[in-house]
Amino acid sequence: MRGKLLFLAGAAAGYVLGARAGRRRYEQIKETATKLWESPGVQKQVTAVEDFVAAKVGELPEAAFGTAKKLVGRANQRRREARDPYSSGSAPRAARDSHAAAGAAAAGSGS
C-alpha cells in the first residue's frame, strides 16, 4: 500500500511540475537537447561508438558458437557421468575395475 501511495504522490508531483513548466519550457528543453545531439563533437563520438560496435558484432557469432559448443560438451559429459560415474574417465581406474568385477560377479551368481 505504501508503494502505491508513493507512486501516486510522484505522479501528482510530476503532473503539477509539468503543468507549471508548460509547453514553452518543454520546447526549449527539446531544442537544447536536439542541438546538443547534433553537435559535431557528439556526432563524432557517436560515429566512433557505431564503428566499434560494428567491428565487435562481426566477432560475436564466432565467439558465441565456440562458447555454446563448449557448454554443450560439458553438459553431455555431466549427463554421462550422472548415468554411470564409472563409465567415464573421471573415476579412478581401480574404482572402475572393482565396479566392473562386482558387476561380473553379480551376473555370474544369478544363474
PDB file of N, CA and C in Angstrom:
ATOM      1  N   MET A   1       0.824  -1.183   0.000  1.00  0.00           N
ATOM      2  CA  MET A   1       0.000   0.000   0.000  1.00  0.00           C
ATOM      3  C   MET A   1       0.877   1.260   0.000  1.00  0.00           C
ATOM      4  N   ARG A   2       1.962   1.195   0.752  1.00  0.00           N
ATOM      5  CA  ARG A   2       2.853   2.348   0.823  1.00  0.00           C
ATOM      6  C   ARG A   2       3.459   2.665  -0.537  1.00  0.00           C
ATOM      7  N   GLY A   3       3.800   1.611  -1.293  1.00  0.00           N
ATOM      8  CA  GLY A   3       4.374   1.796  -2.624  1.00  0.00           C
ATOM      9  C   GLY A   3       3.391   2.485  -3.566  1.00  0.00           C
ATOM     10  N   LYS A   4       2.110   2.118  -3.450  1.00  0.00           N
ATOM     11  CA  LYS A   4       1.094   2.753  -4.293  1.00  0.00           C
ATOM     12  C   LYS A   4       0.948   4.230  -3.956  1.00  0.00           C
ATOM     13  N   LEU A   5       0.994   4.531  -2.660  1.00  0.00           N
ATOM     14  CA  LEU A   5       0.879   5.930  -2.245  1.00  0.00           C
ATOM     15  C   LEU A   5       2.061   6.751  -2.745  1.00  0.00           C
ATOM     16  N   LEU A   6       3.264   6.181  -2.661  1.00  0.00           N
ATOM     17  CA  LEU A   6       4.451   6.881  -3.159  1.00  0.00           C
ATOM     18  C   LEU A   6       4.363   7.100  -4.669  1.00  0.00           C
ATOM     19  N   PHE A   7       3.869   6.102  -5.371  1.00  0.00           N
ATOM     20  CA  PHE A   7       3.716   6.232  -6.820  1.00  0.00           C
ATOM     21  C   PHE A   7       2.735   7.346  -7.158  1.00  0.00           C
ATOM     22  N   LEU A   8       1.594   7.346  -6.484  1.00  0.00           N
ATOM     23  CA  LEU A   8       0.595   8.383  -6.736  1.00  0.00           C
ATOM     24  C   LEU A   8       1.136   9.774  -6.401  1.00  0.00           C
ATOM     25  N   ALA A   9       1.882   9.888  -5.301  1.00  0.00           N
ATOM     26  CA  ALA A   9       2.462  11.180  -4.927  1.00  0.00           C
ATOM     27  C   ALA A   9       3.460  11.640  -5.987  1.00  0.00           C
ATOM     28  N   GLY A  10       4.272  10.740  -6.469  1.00  0.00           N
ATOM     29  CA  GLY A  10       5.243  11.082  -7.512  1.00  0.00           C
ATOM     30  C   GLY A  10       4.565  11.474  -8.810  1.00  0.00           C
ATOM     31  N   ALA A  11       3.514  10.737  -9.181  1.00  0.00           N
ATOM     32  CA  ALA A  11       2.782  11.073 -10.404  1.00  0.00           C
ATOM     33  C   ALA A  11       2.127  12.447 -10.278  1.00  0.00           C
ATOM     34  N   ALA A  12       1.548  12.725  -9.114  1.00  0.00           N
ATOM     35  CA  ALA A  12       0.908  14.025  -8.894  1.00  0.00           C
ATOM     36  C   ALA A  12       1.940  15.151  -8.955  1.00  0.00           C
ATOM     37  N   ALA A  13       3.105  14.950  -8.319  1.00  0.00           N
ATOM     38  CA  ALA A  13       4.149  15.976  -8.339  1.00  0.00           C
ATOM     39  C   ALA A  13       4.635  16.200  -9.764  1.00  0.00           C
ATOM     40  N   GLY A  14       4.828  15.141 -10.522  1.00  0.00           N
ATOM     41  CA  GLY A  14       5.254  15.269 -11.916  1.00  0.00           C
ATOM     42  C   GLY A  14       4.233  16.005 -12.759  1.00  0.00           C
ATOM     43  N   TYR A  15       2.966  15.723 -12.522  1.00  0.00           N
ATOM     44  CA  TYR A  15       1.911  16.405 -13.275  1.00  0.00           C
ATOM     45  C   TYR A  15       1.906  17.902 -12.968  1.00  0.00           C
ATOM     46  N   VAL A  16       1.977  18.232 -11.669  1.00  0.00           N
ATOM     47  CA  VAL A  16       1.946  19.638 -11.272  1.00  0.00           C
ATOM     48  C   VAL A  16       3.154  20.378 -11.832  1.00  0.00           C
ATOM     49  N   LEU A  17       4.344  19.798 -11.680  1.00  0.00           N
ATOM     50  CA  LEU A  17       5.545  20.456 -12.188  1.00  0.00           C
ATOM     51  C   LEU A  17       5.515  20.571 -13.712  1.00  0.00           C
ATOM     52  N   GLY A  18       5.033  19.550 -14.366  1.00  0.00           N
ATOM     53  CA  GLY A  18       4.934  19.584 -15.820  1.00  0.00           C
ATOM     54  C   GLY A  18       3.946  20.623 -16.295  1.00  0.00           C
ATOM     55  N   ALA A  19       2.839  20.720 -15.598  1.00  0.00           N
ATOM     56  CA  ALA A  19       1.822  21.700 -15.986  1.00  0.00           C
ATOM     57  C   ALA A  19       2.328  23.126 -15.764  1.00  0.00           C
ATOM     58  N   ARG A  20       3.086  23.321 -14.702  1.00  0.00           N
ATOM     59  CA  ARG A  20       3.615  24.661 -14.423  1.00  0.00           C
ATOM     60  C   ARG A  20       4.644  25.067 -15.471  1.00  0.00           C
ATOM     61  N   ALA A  21       5.494  24.117 -15.864  1.00  0.00           N
ATOM     62  CA  ALA A  21       6.521  24.448 -16.843  1.00  0.00           C
ATOM     63  C   ALA A  21       5.883  24.779 -18.184  1.00  0.00           C
ATOM     64  N   GLY A  22       4.878  24.021 -18.547  1.00  0.00           N
ATOM     65  CA  GLY A  22       4.132  24.305 -19.763  1.00  0.00           C
ATOM     66  C   GLY A  22       4.839  23.883 -21.029  1.00  0.00           C
ATOM     67  N   ARG A  23       4.136  24.079 -22.110  1.00  0.00           N
ATOM     68  CA  ARG A  23       4.609  23.654 -23.424  1.00  0.00           C
ATOM     69  C   ARG A  23       5.843  24.434 -23.872  1.00  0.00           C
ATOM     70  N   ARG A  24       5.912  25.721 -23.532  1.00  0.00           N
ATOM     71  CA  ARG A  24       7.034  26.567 -23.959  1.00  0.00           C
ATOM     72  C   ARG A  24       8.353  26.038 -23.386  1.00  0.00           C
ATOM     73  N   ARG A  25       8.358  25.709 -22.112  1.00  0.00           N
ATOM     74  CA  ARG A  25       9.578  25.198 -21.483  1.00  0.00           C
ATOM     75  C   ARG A  25       9.958  23.843 -22.076  1.00  0.00           C
ATOM     76  N   TYR A  26       8.951  23.014 -22.347  1.00  0.00           N
ATOM     77  CA  TYR A  26       9.212  21.713 -22.958  1.00  0.00           C
ATOM     78  C   TYR A  26       9.911  21.899 -24.305  1.00  0.00           C
ATOM     79  N   GLU A  27       9.418  22.830 -25.102  1.00  0.00           N
ATOM     80  CA  GLU A  27      10.022  23.081 -26.415  1.00  0.00           C
ATOM     81  C   GLU A  27      11.457  23.592 -26.276  1.00  0.00           C
ATOM     82  N   GLN A  28      11.731  24.402 -25.250  1.00  0.00           N
ATOM     83  CA  GLN A  28      13.095  24.895 -25.022  1.00  0.00           C
ATOM     84  C   GLN A  28      14.031  23.736 -24.687  1.00  0.00           C
ATOM     85  N   ILE A  29      13.571  22.869 -23.801  1.00  0.00           N
ATOM     86  CA  ILE A  29      14.393  21.710 -23.403  1.00  0.00           C
ATOM     87  C   ILE A  29      14.641  20.819 -24.606  1.00  0.00           C
ATOM     88  N   LYS A  30      13.605  20.567 -25.393  1.00  0.00           N
ATOM     89  CA  LYS A  30      13.730  19.710 -26.573  1.00  0.00           C
ATOM     90  C   LYS A  30      14.709  20.304 -27.580  1.00  0.00           C
ATOM     91  N   GLU A  31      14.629  21.622 -27.808  1.00  0.00           N
ATOM     92  CA  GLU A  31      15.517  22.293 -28.758  1.00  0.00           C
ATOM     93  C   GLU A  31      16.975  22.221 -28.298  1.00  0.00           C
ATOM     94  N   THR A  32      17.207  22.433 -27.005  1.00  0.00           N
ATOM     95  CA  THR A  32      18.560  22.361 -26.463  1.00  0.00           C
ATOM     96  C   THR A  32      19.128  20.942 -26.612  1.00  0.00           C
ATOM     97  N   ALA A  33      18.300  19.951 -26.309  1.00  0.00           N
ATOM     98  CA  ALA A  33      18.752  18.558 -26.424  1.00  0.00           C
ATOM     99  C   ALA A  33      19.064  18.214 -27.877  1.00  0.00           C
ATOM    100  N   THR A  34      18.252  18.684 -28.799  1.00  0.00           N
ATOM    101  CA  THR A  34      18.489  18.415 -30.216  1.00  0.00           C
ATOM    102  C   THR A  34      19.791  19.075 -30.687  1.00  0.00           C
ATOM    103  N   LYS A  35      20.004  20.307 -30.274  1.00  0.00           N
ATOM    104  CA  LYS A  35      21.255  20.990 -30.644  1.00  0.00           C
ATOM    105  C   LYS A  35      22.472  20.245 -30.106  1.00  0.00           C
ATOM    106  N   LEU A  36      22.376  19.786 -28.866  1.00  0.00           N
ATOM    107  CA  LEU A  36      23.479  19.046 -28.268  1.00  0.00           C
ATOM    108  C   LEU A  36      23.733  17.755 -29.033  1.00  0.00           C
ATOM    109  N   TRP A  37      22.674  17.006 -29.342  1.00  0.00           N
ATOM    110  CA  TRP A  37      22.817  15.728 -30.034  1.00  0.00           C
ATOM    111  C   TRP A  37      23.426  15.916 -31.418  1.00  0.00           C
ATOM    112  N   GLU A  38      23.045  16.980 -32.106  1.00  0.00           N
ATOM    113  CA  GLU A  38      23.512  17.205 -33.467  1.00  0.00           C
ATOM    114  C   GLU A  38      24.844  17.960 -33.536  1.00  0.00           C
ATOM    115  N   SER A  39      25.430  18.275 -32.407  1.00  0.00           N
ATOM    116  CA  SER A  39      26.714  18.985 -32.419  1.00  0.00           C
ATOM    117  C   SER A  39      27.809  18.082 -32.986  1.00  0.00           C
ATOM    118  N   PRO A  40      28.808  18.666 -33.647  1.00  0.00           N
ATOM    119  CA  PRO A  40      29.862  17.855 -34.274  1.00  0.00           C
ATOM    120  C   PRO A  40      30.625  16.965 -33.292  1.00  0.00           C
ATOM    121  N   GLY A  41      30.891  17.467 -32.093  1.00  0.00           N
ATOM    122  CA  GLY A  41      31.636  16.667 -31.122  1.00  0.00           C
ATOM    123  C   GLY A  41      30.879  15.412 -30.704  1.00  0.00           C
ATOM    124  N   VAL A  42      29.577  15.574 -30.442  1.00  0.00           N
ATOM    125  CA  VAL A  42      28.768  14.420 -30.037  1.00  0.00           C
ATOM    126  C   VAL A  42      28.643  13.440 -31.203  1.00  0.00           C
ATOM    127  N   GLN A  43      28.398  13.943 -32.394  1.00  0.00           N
ATOM    128  CA  GLN A  43      28.250  13.063 -33.546  1.00  0.00           C
ATOM    129  C   GLN A  43      29.539  12.320 -33.875  1.00  0.00           C
ATOM    130  N   LYS A  44      30.685  12.960 -33.607  1.00  0.00           N
ATOM    131  CA  LYS A  44      31.969  12.280 -33.812  1.00  0.00           C
ATOM    132  C   LYS A  44      32.072  11.074 -32.880  1.00  0.00           C
ATOM    133  N   GLN A  45      31.675  11.262 -31.625  1.00  0.00           N
ATOM    134  CA  GLN A  45      31.713  10.163 -30.656  1.00  0.00           C
ATOM    135  C   GLN A  45      30.696   9.079 -31.012  1.00  0.00           C
ATOM    136  N   VAL A  46      29.525   9.479 -31.481  1.00  0.00           N
ATOM    137  CA  VAL A  46      28.501   8.511 -31.889  1.00  0.00           C
ATOM    138  C   VAL A  46      29.034   7.640 -33.022  1.00  0.00           C
ATOM    139  N   THR A  47      29.678   8.261 -33.988  1.00  0.00           N
ATOM    140  CA  THR A  47      30.257   7.519 -35.111  1.00  0.00           C
ATOM    141  C   THR A  47      31.340   6.553 -34.631  1.00  0.00           C
ATOM    142  N   ALA A  48      32.173   7.009 -33.702  1.00  0.00           N
ATOM    143  CA  ALA A  48      33.230   6.140 -33.169  1.00  0.00           C
ATOM    144  C   ALA A  48      32.630   4.929 -32.469  1.00  0.00           C
ATOM    145  N   VAL A  49      31.583   5.137 -31.687  1.00  0.00           N
ATOM    146  CA  VAL A  49      30.933   4.027 -30.986  1.00  0.00           C
ATOM    147  C   VAL A  49      30.275   3.082 -31.987  1.00  0.00           C
ATOM    148  N   GLU A  50      29.609   3.621 -33.000  1.00  0.00           N
ATOM    149  CA  GLU A  50      28.973   2.775 -34.015  1.00  0.00           C
ATOM    150  C   GLU A  50      30.006   1.908 -34.734  1.00  0.00           C
ATOM    151  N   ASP A  51      31.150   2.489 -35.075  1.00  0.00           N
ATOM    152  CA  ASP A  51      32.213   1.734 -35.744  1.00  0.00           C
ATOM    153  C   ASP A  51      32.756   0.629 -34.850  1.00  0.00           C
ATOM    154  N   PHE A  52      32.961   0.961 -33.569  1.00  0.00           N
ATOM    155  CA  PHE A  52      33.460  -0.033 -32.610  1.00  0.00           C
ATOM    156  C   PHE A  52      32.487  -1.196 -32.479  1.00  0.00           C
ATOM    157  N   VAL A  53      31.211  -0.888 -32.339  1.00  0.00           N
ATOM    158  CA  VAL A  53      30.187  -1.933 -32.191  1.00  0.00           C
ATOM    159  C   VAL A  53      30.113  -2.778 -33.455  1.00  0.00           C
ATOM    160  N   ALA A  54      30.167  -2.150 -34.613  1.00  0.00           N
ATOM    161  CA  ALA A  54      30.119  -2.900 -35.874  1.00  0.00           C
ATOM    162  C   ALA A  54      31.292  -3.868 -35.983  1.00  0.00           C
ATOM    163  N   ALA A  55      32.466  -3.451 -35.533  1.00  0.00           N
ATOM    164  CA  ALA A  55      33.638  -4.326 -35.580  1.00  0.00           C
ATOM    165  C   ALA A  55      33.486  -5.499 -34.624  1.00  0.00           C
ATOM    166  N   LYS A  56      32.953  -5.235 -33.434  1.00  0.00           N
ATOM    167  CA  LYS A  56      32.806  -6.297 -32.444  1.00  0.00           C
ATOM    168  C   LYS A  56      31.678  -7.255 -32.785  1.00  0.00           C
ATOM    169  N   VAL A  57      30.624  -6.790 -33.417  1.00  0.00           N
ATOM    170  CA  VAL A  57      29.498  -7.652 -33.775  1.00  0.00           C
ATOM    171  C   VAL A  57      29.950  -8.702 -34.783  1.00  0.00           C
ATOM    172  N   GLY A  58      30.900  -8.356 -35.624  1.00  0.00           N
ATOM    173  CA  GLY A  58      31.431  -9.329 -36.573  1.00  0.00           C
ATOM    174  C   GLY A  58      32.082 -10.511 -35.868  1.00  0.00           C
ATOM    175  N   GLU A  59      32.651 -10.288 -34.699  1.00  0.00           N
ATOM    176  CA  GLU A  59      33.306 -11.352 -33.936  1.00  0.00           C
ATOM    177  C   GLU A  59      32.316 -12.126 -33.070  1.00  0.00           C
ATOM    178  N   LEU A  60      31.163 -11.565 -32.820  1.00  0.00           N
ATOM    179  CA  LEU A  60      30.206 -12.153 -31.883  1.00  0.00           C
ATOM    180  C   LEU A  60      29.703 -13.536 -32.284  1.00  0.00           C
ATOM    181  N   PRO A  61      29.254 -13.773 -33.518  1.00  0.00           N
ATOM    182  CA  PRO A  61      28.737 -15.112 -33.840  1.00  0.00           C
ATOM    183  C   PRO A  61      29.766 -16.218 -33.628  1.00  0.00           C
ATOM    184  N   GLU A  62      31.007 -15.964 -34.010  1.00  0.00           N
ATOM    185  CA  GLU A  62      32.050 -16.983 -33.846  1.00  0.00           C
ATOM    186  C   GLU A  62      32.302 -17.276 -32.362  1.00  0.00           C
ATOM    187  N   ALA A  63      32.369 -16.230 -31.564  1.00  0.00           N
ATOM    188  CA  ALA A  63      32.595 -16.406 -30.125  1.00  0.00           C
ATOM    189  C   ALA A  63      31.414 -17.108 -29.477  1.00  0.00           C
ATOM    190  N   ALA A  64      30.208 -16.739 -29.870  1.00  0.00           N
ATOM    191  CA  ALA A  64      29.013 -17.364 -29.294  1.00  0.00           C
ATOM    192  C   ALA A  64      28.955 -18.842 -29.665  1.00  0.00           C
ATOM    193  N   PHE A  65      29.296 -19.184 -30.902  1.00  0.00           N
ATOM    194  CA  PHE A  65      29.295 -20.578 -31.334  1.00  0.00           C
ATOM    195  C   PHE A  65      30.313 -21.392 -30.537  1.00  0.00           C
ATOM    196  N   GLY A  66      31.506 -20.847 -30.370  1.00  0.00           N
ATOM    197  CA  GLY A  66      32.534 -21.567 -29.606  1.00  0.00           C
ATOM    198  C   GLY A  66      32.130 -21.790 -28.163  1.00  0.00           C
ATOM    199  N   THR A  67      31.543 -20.784 -27.545  1.00  0.00           N
ATOM    200  CA  THR A  67      31.093 -20.914 -26.159  1.00  0.00           C
ATOM    201  C   THR A  67      29.958 -21.921 -26.047  1.00  0.00           C
ATOM    202  N   ALA A  68      29.012 -21.857 -26.962  1.00  0.00           N
ATOM    203  CA  ALA A  68      27.886 -22.795 -26.939  1.00  0.00           C
ATOM    204  C   ALA A  68      28.380 -24.229 -27.120  1.00  0.00           C
ATOM    205  N   LYS A  69      29.350 -24.424 -27.997  1.00  0.00           N
ATOM    206  CA  LYS A  69      29.900 -25.757 -28.242  1.00  0.00           C
ATOM    207  C   LYS A  69      30.555 -26.317 -26.968  1.00  0.00           C
ATOM    208  N   LYS A  70      31.300 -25.465 -26.256  1.00  0.00           N
ATOM    209  CA  LYS A  70      31.927 -25.896 -25.001  1.00  0.00           C
ATOM    210  C   LYS A  70      30.887 -26.260 -23.954  1.00  0.00           C
ATOM    211  N   LEU A  71      29.837 -25.433 -23.844  1.00  0.00           N
ATOM    212  CA  LEU A  71      28.801 -25.685 -22.845  1.00  0.00           C
ATOM    213  C   LEU A  71      28.044 -26.973 -23.133  1.00  0.00           C
ATOM    214  N   VAL A  72      27.745 -27.239 -24.394  1.00  0.00           N
ATOM    215  CA  VAL A  72      27.055 -28.476 -24.757  1.00  0.00           C
ATOM    216  C   VAL A  72      27.943 -29.678 -24.446  1.00  0.00           C
ATOM    217  N   GLY A  73      29.229 -29.566 -24.732  1.00  0.00           N
ATOM    218  CA  GLY A  73      30.150 -30.663 -24.417  1.00  0.00           C
ATOM    219  C   GLY A  73      30.210 -30.947 -22.925  1.00  0.00           C
ATOM    220  N   ARG A  74      30.264 -29.907 -22.113  1.00  0.00           N
ATOM    221  CA  ARG A  74      30.276 -30.096 -20.657  1.00  0.00           C
ATOM    222  C   ARG A  74      28.980 -30.703 -20.159  1.00  0.00           C
ATOM    223  N   ALA A  75      27.858 -30.243 -20.705  1.00  0.00           N
ATOM    224  CA  ALA A  75      26.564 -30.777 -20.287  1.00  0.00           C
ATOM    225  C   ALA A  75      26.452 -32.256 -20.636  1.00  0.00           C
ATOM    226  N   ASN A  76      26.914 -32.640 -21.816  1.00  0.00           N
ATOM    227  CA  ASN A  76      26.879 -34.053 -22.209  1.00  0.00           C
ATOM    228  C   ASN A  76      27.768 -34.896 -21.309  1.00  0.00           C
ATOM    229  N   GLN A  77      28.942 -34.370 -20.974  1.00  0.00           N
ATOM    230  CA  GLN A  77      29.852 -35.104 -20.091  1.00  0.00           C
ATOM    231  C   GLN A  77      29.224 -35.314 -18.720  1.00  0.00           C
ATOM    232  N   ARG A  78      28.606 -34.281 -18.166  1.00  0.00           N
ATOM    233  CA  ARG A  78      27.950 -34.403 -16.857  1.00  0.00           C
ATOM    234  C   ARG A  78      26.786 -35.373 -16.905  1.00  0.00           C
ATOM    235  N   ARG A  79      26.058 -35.367 -18.007  1.00  0.00           N
ATOM    236  CA  ARG A  79      24.936 -36.295 -18.152  1.00  0.00           C
ATOM    237  C   ARG A  79      25.434 -37.740 -18.187  1.00  0.00           C
ATOM    238  N   ARG A  80      26.520 -37.975 -18.922  1.00  0.00           N
ATOM    239  CA  ARG A  80      27.085 -39.328 -18.973  1.00  0.00           C
ATOM    240  C   ARG A  80      27.573 -39.765 -17.594  1.00  0.00           C
ATOM    241  N   GLU A  81      28.227 -38.857 -16.872  1.00  0.00           N
ATOM    242  CA  GLU A  81      28.731 -39.180 -15.539  1.00  0.00           C
ATOM    243  C   GLU A  81      27.590 -39.433 -14.563  1.00  0.00           C
ATOM    244  N   ALA A  82      26.490 -38.735 -14.722  1.00  0.00           N
ATOM    245  CA  ALA A  82      25.349 -38.938 -13.834  1.00  0.00           C
ATOM    246  C   ALA A  82      24.719 -40.305 -14.063  1.00  0.00           C
ATOM    247  N   ARG A  83      24.722 -40.771 -15.308  1.00  0.00           N
ATOM    248  CA  ARG A  83      24.166 -42.097 -15.609  1.00  0.00           C
ATOM    249  C   ARG A  83      25.037 -43.203 -15.035  1.00  0.00           C
ATOM    250  N   ASP A  84      26.324 -43.139 -15.288  1.00  0.00           N
ATOM    251  CA  ASP A  84      27.250 -44.167 -14.812  1.00  0.00           C
ATOM    252  C   ASP A  84      28.599 -43.514 -14.532  1.00  0.00           C
ATOM    253  N   PRO A  85      28.864 -43.171 -13.280  1.00  0.00           N
ATOM    254  CA  PRO A  85      30.096 -42.449 -12.967  1.00  0.00           C
ATOM    255  C   PRO A  85      31.356 -43.254 -13.284  1.00  0.00           C
ATOM    256  N   TYR A  86      31.244 -44.562 -13.423  1.00  0.00           N
ATOM    257  CA  TYR A  86      32.436 -45.387 -13.676  1.00  0.00           C
ATOM    258  C   TYR A  86      32.705 -45.568 -15.159  1.00  0.00           C
ATOM    259  N   SER A  87      31.772 -45.162 -16.025  1.00  0.00           N
ATOM    260  CA  SER A  87      31.986 -45.340 -17.459  1.00  0.00           C
ATOM    261  C   SER A  87      32.862 -44.245 -18.048  1.00  0.00           C
ATOM    262  N   SER A  88      32.904 -43.100 -17.405  1.00  0.00           N
ATOM    263  CA  SER A  88      33.737 -42.023 -17.937  1.00  0.00           C
ATOM    264  C   SER A  88      35.143 -42.147 -17.374  1.00  0.00           C
ATOM    265  N   GLY A  89      36.037 -41.404 -17.921  1.00  0.00           N
ATOM    266  CA  GLY A  89      37.416 -41.443 -17.477  1.00  0.00           C
ATOM    267  C   GLY A  89      37.652 -40.678 -16.190  1.00  0.00           C
ATOM    268  N   SER A  90      36.592 -40.136 -15.554  1.00  0.00           N
ATOM    269  CA  SER A  90      36.805 -39.296 -14.385  1.00  0.00           C
ATOM    270  C   SER A  90      37.010 -40.117 -13.112  1.00  0.00           C
ATOM    271  N   ALA A  91      36.532 -41.353 -13.067  1.00  0.00           N
ATOM    272  CA  ALA A  91      36.704 -42.172 -11.874  1.00  0.00           C
ATOM    273  C   ALA A  91      38.084 -42.822 -11.912  1.00  0.00           C
ATOM    274  N   PRO A  92      38.689 -43.065 -10.746  1.00  0.00           N
ATOM    275  CA  PRO A  92      39.990 -43.744 -10.722  1.00  0.00           C
ATOM    276  C   PRO A  92      39.887 -45.139 -11.330  1.00  0.00           C
ATOM    277  N   ARG A  93      40.961 -45.594 -11.949  1.00  0.00           N
ATOM    278  CA  ARG A  93      40.946 -46.880 -12.639  1.00  0.00           C
ATOM    279  C   ARG A  93      40.612 -48.027 -11.679  1.00  0.00           C
ATOM    280  N   ALA A  94      41.150 -48.015 -10.469  1.00  0.00           N
ATOM    281  CA  ALA A  94      40.877 -49.087  -9.507  1.00  0.00           C
ATOM    282  C   ALA A  94      39.384 -49.142  -9.177  1.00  0.00           C
ATOM    283  N   ALA A  95      38.769 -47.989  -9.048  1.00  0.00           N
ATOM    284  CA  ALA A  95      37.334 -47.966  -8.748  1.00  0.00           C
ATOM    285  C   ALA A  95      36.538 -48.508  -9.925  1.00  0.00           C
ATOM    286  N   ARG A  96      36.947 -48.157 -11.161  1.00  0.00           N
ATOM    287  CA  ARG A  96      36.242 -48.670 -12.338  1.00  0.00           C
ATOM    288  C   ARG A  96      36.404 -50.179 -12.422  1.00  0.00           C
ATOM    289  N   ASP A  97      37.631 -50.683 -12.154  1.00  0.00           N
ATOM    290  CA  ASP A  97      37.877 -52.116 -12.232  1.00  0.00           C
ATOM    291  C   ASP A  97      37.082 -52.873 -11.176  1.00  0.00           C
ATOM    292  N   SER A  98      37.022 -52.346  -9.946  1.00  0.00           N
ATOM    293  CA  SER A  98      36.277 -53.039  -8.895  1.00  0.00           C
ATOM    294  C   SER A  98      34.791 -52.997  -9.207  1.00  0.00           C
ATOM    295  N   HIS A  99      34.305 -51.916  -9.803  1.00  0.00           N
ATOM    296  CA  HIS A  99      32.899 -51.827 -10.176  1.00  0.00           C
ATOM    297  C   HIS A  99      32.589 -52.860 -11.249  1.00  0.00           C
ATOM    298  N   ALA A 100      33.467 -53.013 -12.228  1.00  0.00           N
ATOM    299  CA  ALA A 100      33.278 -53.997 -13.287  1.00  0.00           C
ATOM    300  C   ALA A 100      33.321 -55.410 -12.715  1.00  0.00           C
ATOM    301  N   ALA A 101      34.245 -55.683 -11.789  1.00  0.00           N
ATOM    302  CA  ALA A 101      34.361 -57.007 -11.181  1.00  0.00           C
ATOM    303  C   ALA A 101      33.113 -57.339 -10.375  1.00  0.00           C
ATOM    304  N   ALA A 102      32.599 -56.371  -9.659  1.00  0.00           N
ATOM    305  CA  ALA A 102      31.391 -56.588  -8.869  1.00  0.00           C
ATOM    306  C   ALA A 102      30.206 -56.875  -9.786  1.00  0.00           C
ATOM    307  N   GLY A 103      30.143 -56.198 -10.908  1.00  0.00           N
ATOM    308  CA  GLY A 103      29.059 -56.420 -11.870  1.00  0.00           C
ATOM    309  C   GLY A 103      29.162 -57.804 -12.483  1.00  0.00           C
ATOM    310  N   ALA A 104      30.376 -58.269 -12.781  1.00  0.00           N
ATOM    311  CA  ALA A 104      30.571 -59.584 -13.359  1.00  0.00           C
ATOM    312  C   ALA A 104      30.221 -60.671 -12.331  1.00  0.00           C
ATOM    313  N   ALA A 105      30.588 -60.464 -11.087  1.00  0.00           N
ATOM    314  CA  ALA A 105      30.294 -61.445 -10.039  1.00  0.00           C
ATOM    315  C   ALA A 105      28.791 -61.540  -9.835  1.00  0.00           C
ATOM    316  N   ALA A 106      28.096 -60.419  -9.877  1.00  0.00           N
ATOM    317  CA  ALA A 106      26.651 -60.428  -9.689  1.00  0.00           C
ATOM    318  C   ALA A 106      25.978 -61.122 -10.858  1.00  0.00           C
ATOM    319  N   ALA A 107      26.491 -60.934 -12.052  1.00  0.00           N
ATOM    320  CA  ALA A 107      25.906 -61.577 -13.229  1.00  0.00           C
ATOM    321  C   ALA A 107      26.158 -63.079 -13.199  1.00  0.00           C
ATOM    322  N   GLY A 108      27.322 -63.506 -12.708  1.00  0.00           N
ATOM    323  CA  GLY A 108      27.650 -64.935 -12.664  1.00  0.00           C
ATOM    324  C   GLY A 108      26.904 -65.656 -11.561  1.00  0.00           C
ATOM    325  N   SER A 109      26.575 -65.038 -10.451  1.00  0.00           N
ATOM    326  CA  SER A 109      25.916 -65.708  -9.352  1.00  0.00           C
ATOM    327  C   SER A 109      24.414 -65.783  -9.550  1.00  0.00           C
ATOM    328  N   GLY A 110      23.905 -65.040 -10.519  1.00  0.00           N
ATOM    329  CA  GLY A 110      22.471 -65.030 -10.754  1.00  0.00           C
ATOM    330  C   GLY A 110      22.002 -66.230 -11.543  1.00  0.00           C
ATOM    331  N   SER A 111      22.881 -67.114 -12.066  1.00  0.00           N
ATOM    332  CA  SER A 111      22.453 -68.244 -12.892  1.00  0.00           C
ATOM    333  C   SER A 111      22.085 -69.427 -12.093  1.00  0.00           C
TER     334      SER A 111
END
